[in-house]
Every structure is written in C-alpha cells, then in structure tokens.
Amino acid sequence: QVQLVESGGGLVQPGGSLRLSCAASGSIFGINVMDWYRQAPGKQRELVATGASGGITNYADSVKGRFTISRDYAKNTVYLQMNSLKPEDTAVYYCHYKRLGSNNNYWGQGTQVTVSS
C-alpha cells in the first residue's frame, strides 16, 4: 500500500507561482513513476507532468516551460513548481504513483489550485 498526501494549493493571481508537494509513504520501491494530474470542472483528468525514478521527466504541452516536476528520493516526495500561472491552470491537482510491473495505481486526495484576479 502507498499513501499520498498533497499540499501547496491555493488562490493565486495570473502570472503568479505555486509549489505543490506530494509526500508518499508505504511500499515505495523499485522503478516507479510519480505524476501530477489535474481535473478542471466539467473536464477529464489530464496528465500534467511525469517524474520517473532515474530522473526522466515529461510534460503536457500546455505547461512546458512553465511547470517543473522534481523528486526528493530521500523524502519520497514529488514537487510541482508552477510559474506564470494562467486562469486555465485552475483545477484540482492530483498526485499519482505507480510502480513498474504493478497494476496498482495510487492517488492523493487532490489539492485545489485557483488562478484568478
């Protein structure tokens, strides 16, 4: 079992920045991926950024150059630094964990990010 706890969401003005954190606990081992997804009202959940063990990262086109995913392996924590935020970034952001070779997907409870003036 893996538990994920997110923090760092909030209200920010357009052009501002936020940093999300997701602390993982439990059976964290092997080759794994920790991602950030988001879901806006009335829309499907979408992948925002991927951080695979080994340092591989990938981003949705809509956030490239503005968002940065990073991992602290000692703390089992993944971060999402979000800069130059836009109103269309408003969503609930979810942390996700999956280990290679396992069918189990783990999700955090979500944290609300609202970009508005």
C-alpha atoms as a PDB file:
ATOM      1  CA  GLN A   1       0.000   0.000   0.000  1.00  0.00           C
ATOM      2  CA  VAL A   2       1.057   3.549  -0.757  1.00  0.00           C
ATOM      3  CA  GLN A   3      -0.339   6.714   0.782  1.00  0.00           C
ATOM      4  CA  LEU A   4      -0.003  10.079  -0.946  1.00  0.00           C
ATOM      5  CA  VAL A   5      -0.568  13.410   0.772  1.00  0.00           C
ATOM      6  CA  GLU A   6      -0.601  16.596  -1.296  1.00  0.00           C
ATOM      7  CA  SER A   7      -0.182  20.175  -0.139  1.00  0.00           C
ATOM      8  CA  GLY A   8       0.521  23.615  -1.527  1.00  0.00           C
ATOM      9  CA  GLY A   9      -2.601  24.518  -3.466  1.00  0.00           C
ATOM     10  CA  GLY A  10      -4.385  27.829  -3.153  1.00  0.00           C
ATOM     11  CA  LEU A  11      -5.513  31.006  -4.843  1.00  0.00           C
ATOM     12  CA  VAL A  12      -3.011  32.915  -6.953  1.00  0.00           C
ATOM     13  CA  GLN A  13      -3.217  35.761  -9.438  1.00  0.00           C
ATOM     14  CA  PRO A  14      -2.427  35.232 -13.120  1.00  0.00           C
ATOM     15  CA  GLY A  15       1.304  35.269 -13.646  1.00  0.00           C
ATOM     16  CA  GLY A  16       1.959  34.059 -10.128  1.00  0.00           C
ATOM     17  CA  SER A  17       3.602  30.902  -8.831  1.00  0.00           C
ATOM     18  CA  LEU A  18       2.737  27.978  -6.598  1.00  0.00           C
ATOM     19  CA  ARG A  19       4.623  24.904  -5.477  1.00  0.00           C
ATOM     20  CA  LEU A  20       2.757  21.667  -4.883  1.00  0.00           C
ATOM     21  CA  SER A  21       4.163  18.862  -2.771  1.00  0.00           C
ATOM     22  CA  CYS A  22       3.196  15.211  -2.546  1.00  0.00           C
ATOM     23  CA  ALA A  23       4.644  13.052   0.205  1.00  0.00           C
ATOM     24  CA  ALA A  24       4.498   9.308  -0.338  1.00  0.00           C
ATOM     25  CA  SER A  25       4.645   6.663   2.365  1.00  0.00           C
ATOM     26  CA  GLY A  26       4.326   2.913   2.460  1.00  0.00           C
ATOM     27  CA  SER A  27       5.713   0.465  -0.084  1.00  0.00           C
ATOM     28  CA  ILE A  28       7.869   2.793  -2.162  1.00  0.00           C
ATOM     29  CA  PHE A  29      10.496   0.796  -4.033  1.00  0.00           C
ATOM     30  CA  GLY A  30      11.700  -0.292  -7.441  1.00  0.00           C
ATOM     31  CA  ILE A  31      11.339   1.564 -10.696  1.00  0.00           C
ATOM     32  CA  ASN A  32       8.368   3.834 -10.265  1.00  0.00           C
ATOM     33  CA  VAL A  33       6.653   6.925 -11.547  1.00  0.00           C
ATOM     34  CA  MET A  34       5.195   9.822  -9.632  1.00  0.00           C
ATOM     35  CA  ASP A  35       2.995  12.083 -11.712  1.00  0.00           C
ATOM     36  CA  TRP A  36       0.839  15.126 -11.369  1.00  0.00           C
ATOM     37  CA  TYR A  37      -2.613  15.130 -12.972  1.00  0.00           C
ATOM     38  CA  ARG A  38      -5.278  17.800 -12.905  1.00  0.00           C
ATOM     39  CA  GLN A  39      -9.015  17.931 -13.404  1.00  0.00           C
ATOM     40  CA  ALA A  40     -10.934  21.093 -14.146  1.00  0.00           C
ATOM     41  CA  PRO A  41     -14.715  21.304 -13.676  1.00  0.00           C
ATOM     42  CA  GLY A  42     -16.525  19.511 -16.471  1.00  0.00           C
ATOM     43  CA  LYS A  43     -13.312  18.147 -17.966  1.00  0.00           C
ATOM     44  CA  GLN A  44     -11.486  14.841 -17.872  1.00  0.00           C
ATOM     45  CA  ARG A  45      -8.469  14.318 -15.683  1.00  0.00           C
ATOM     46  CA  GLU A  46      -5.299  15.039 -17.644  1.00  0.00           C
ATOM     47  CA  LEU A  47      -1.641  14.269 -17.141  1.00  0.00           C
ATOM     48  CA  VAL A  48       0.378  17.394 -16.352  1.00  0.00           C
ATOM     49  CA  ALA A  49       3.874  16.152 -15.570  1.00  0.00           C
ATOM     50  CA  THR A  50       5.661  12.844 -15.077  1.00  0.00           C
ATOM     51  CA  GLY A  51       8.658  12.180 -12.895  1.00  0.00           C
ATOM     52  CA  ALA A  52      10.075   8.694 -13.286  1.00  0.00           C
ATOM     53  CA  SER A  53      12.708   7.246 -10.962  1.00  0.00           C
ATOM     54  CA  GLY A  54      16.041   7.810 -12.665  1.00  0.00           C
ATOM     55  CA  GLY A  55      15.290  11.416 -13.437  1.00  0.00           C
ATOM     56  CA  ILE A  56      13.160  11.125 -16.566  1.00  0.00           C
ATOM     57  CA  THR A  57      10.547  13.864 -16.836  1.00  0.00           C
ATOM     58  CA  ASN A  58       7.788  14.667 -19.290  1.00  0.00           C
ATOM     59  CA  TYR A  59       5.255  17.473 -19.531  1.00  0.00           C
ATOM     60  CA  ALA A  60       1.968  18.275 -21.196  1.00  0.00           C
ATOM     61  CA  ASP A  61       2.418  20.780 -24.000  1.00  0.00           C
ATOM     62  CA  SER A  62       0.197  23.249 -22.168  1.00  0.00           C
ATOM     63  CA  VAL A  63       2.630  23.532 -19.236  1.00  0.00           C
ATOM     64  CA  LYS A  64       6.036  23.102 -20.895  1.00  0.00           C
ATOM     65  CA  GLY A  65       8.388  25.894 -19.938  1.00  0.00           C
ATOM     66  CA  ARG A  66       6.185  26.954 -17.005  1.00  0.00           C
ATOM     67  CA  PHE A  67       5.959  23.891 -14.744  1.00  0.00           C
ATOM     68  CA  THR A  68       8.798  21.820 -13.332  1.00  0.00           C
ATOM     69  CA  ILE A  69       8.474  18.432 -11.656  1.00  0.00           C
ATOM     70  CA  SER A  70      11.152  17.245  -9.264  1.00  0.00           C
ATOM     71  CA  ARG A  71      11.630  14.437  -6.779  1.00  0.00           C
ATOM     72  CA  ASP A  72      13.378  14.167  -3.442  1.00  0.00           C
ATOM     73  CA  TYR A  73      14.080  10.438  -3.194  1.00  0.00           C
ATOM     74  CA  ALA A  74      15.282  10.628   0.382  1.00  0.00           C
ATOM     75  CA  LYS A  75      11.928  12.107   1.420  1.00  0.00           C
ATOM     76  CA  ASN A  76       9.783  10.158  -1.092  1.00  0.00           C
ATOM     77  CA  THR A  77       8.323  13.457  -2.152  1.00  0.00           C
ATOM     78  CA  VAL A  78       7.480  14.884  -5.557  1.00  0.00           C
ATOM     79  CA  TYR A  79       7.091  18.578  -6.229  1.00  0.00           C
ATOM     80  CA  LEU A  80       5.439  20.598  -8.953  1.00  0.00           C
ATOM     81  CA  GLN A  81       6.748  24.135  -9.315  1.00  0.00           C
ATOM     82  CA  MET A  82       4.204  26.134 -11.280  1.00  0.00           C
ATOM     83  CA  ASN A  83       5.213  29.505 -12.684  1.00  0.00           C
ATOM     84  CA  SER A  84       3.469  32.000 -14.958  1.00  0.00           C
ATOM     85  CA  LEU A  85       0.128  30.563 -13.942  1.00  0.00           C
ATOM     86  CA  LYS A  86      -2.883  31.148 -16.147  1.00  0.00           C
ATOM     87  CA  PRO A  87      -6.617  31.011 -15.388  1.00  0.00           C
ATOM     88  CA  GLU A  88      -6.812  27.851 -17.483  1.00  0.00           C
ATOM     89  CA  ASP A  89      -4.492  26.150 -14.990  1.00  0.00           C
ATOM     90  CA  THR A  90      -7.328  26.250 -12.459  1.00  0.00           C
ATOM     91  CA  ALA A  91      -8.110  22.680 -11.426  1.00  0.00           C
ATOM     92  CA  VAL A  92      -7.814  20.105  -8.695  1.00  0.00           C
ATOM     93  CA  TYR A  93      -4.299  18.697  -8.891  1.00  0.00           C
ATOM     94  CA  TYR A  94      -3.729  15.043  -8.019  1.00  0.00           C
ATOM     95  CA  CYS A  95      -0.549  13.179  -7.227  1.00  0.00           C
ATOM     96  CA  HIS A  96      -0.245   9.671  -8.680  1.00  0.00           C
ATOM     97  CA  TYR A  97       2.157   6.803  -8.004  1.00  0.00           C
ATOM     98  CA  LYS A  98       2.715   3.593  -9.925  1.00  0.00           C
ATOM     99  CA  ARG A  99       5.489   1.047  -9.719  1.00  0.00           C
ATOM    100  CA  LEU A 100       6.730  -0.639 -12.886  1.00  0.00           C
ATOM    101  CA  GLY A 101       5.324  -4.160 -13.119  1.00  0.00           C
ATOM    102  CA  SER A 102       2.434  -3.485 -10.764  1.00  0.00           C
ATOM    103  CA  ASN A 103      -1.201  -2.934 -11.738  1.00  0.00           C
ATOM    104  CA  ASN A 104      -1.858  -0.812  -8.676  1.00  0.00           C
ATOM    105  CA  ASN A 105      -2.352   2.926  -9.103  1.00  0.00           C
ATOM    106  CA  TYR A 106      -2.341   5.191  -6.077  1.00  0.00           C
ATOM    107  CA  TRP A 107      -3.828   8.681  -5.901  1.00  0.00           C
ATOM    108  CA  GLY A 108      -3.677  11.536  -3.477  1.00  0.00           C
ATOM    109  CA  GLN A 109      -6.763  13.352  -2.251  1.00  0.00           C
ATOM    110  CA  GLY A 110      -6.211  16.328  -4.545  1.00  0.00           C
ATOM    111  CA  THR A 111      -5.386  19.955  -3.904  1.00  0.00           C
ATOM    112  CA  GLN A 112      -7.251  22.905  -5.411  1.00  0.00           C
ATOM    113  CA  VAL A 113      -5.366  25.443  -7.498  1.00  0.00           C
ATOM    114  CA  THR A 114      -7.288  28.553  -8.490  1.00  0.00           C
ATOM    115  CA  VAL A 115      -5.773  31.196 -10.763  1.00  0.00           C
ATOM    116  CA  SER A 116      -7.870  34.326 -10.719  1.00  0.00           C
ATOM    117  CA  SER A 117      -7.558  38.076 -10.330  1.00  0.00           C
END
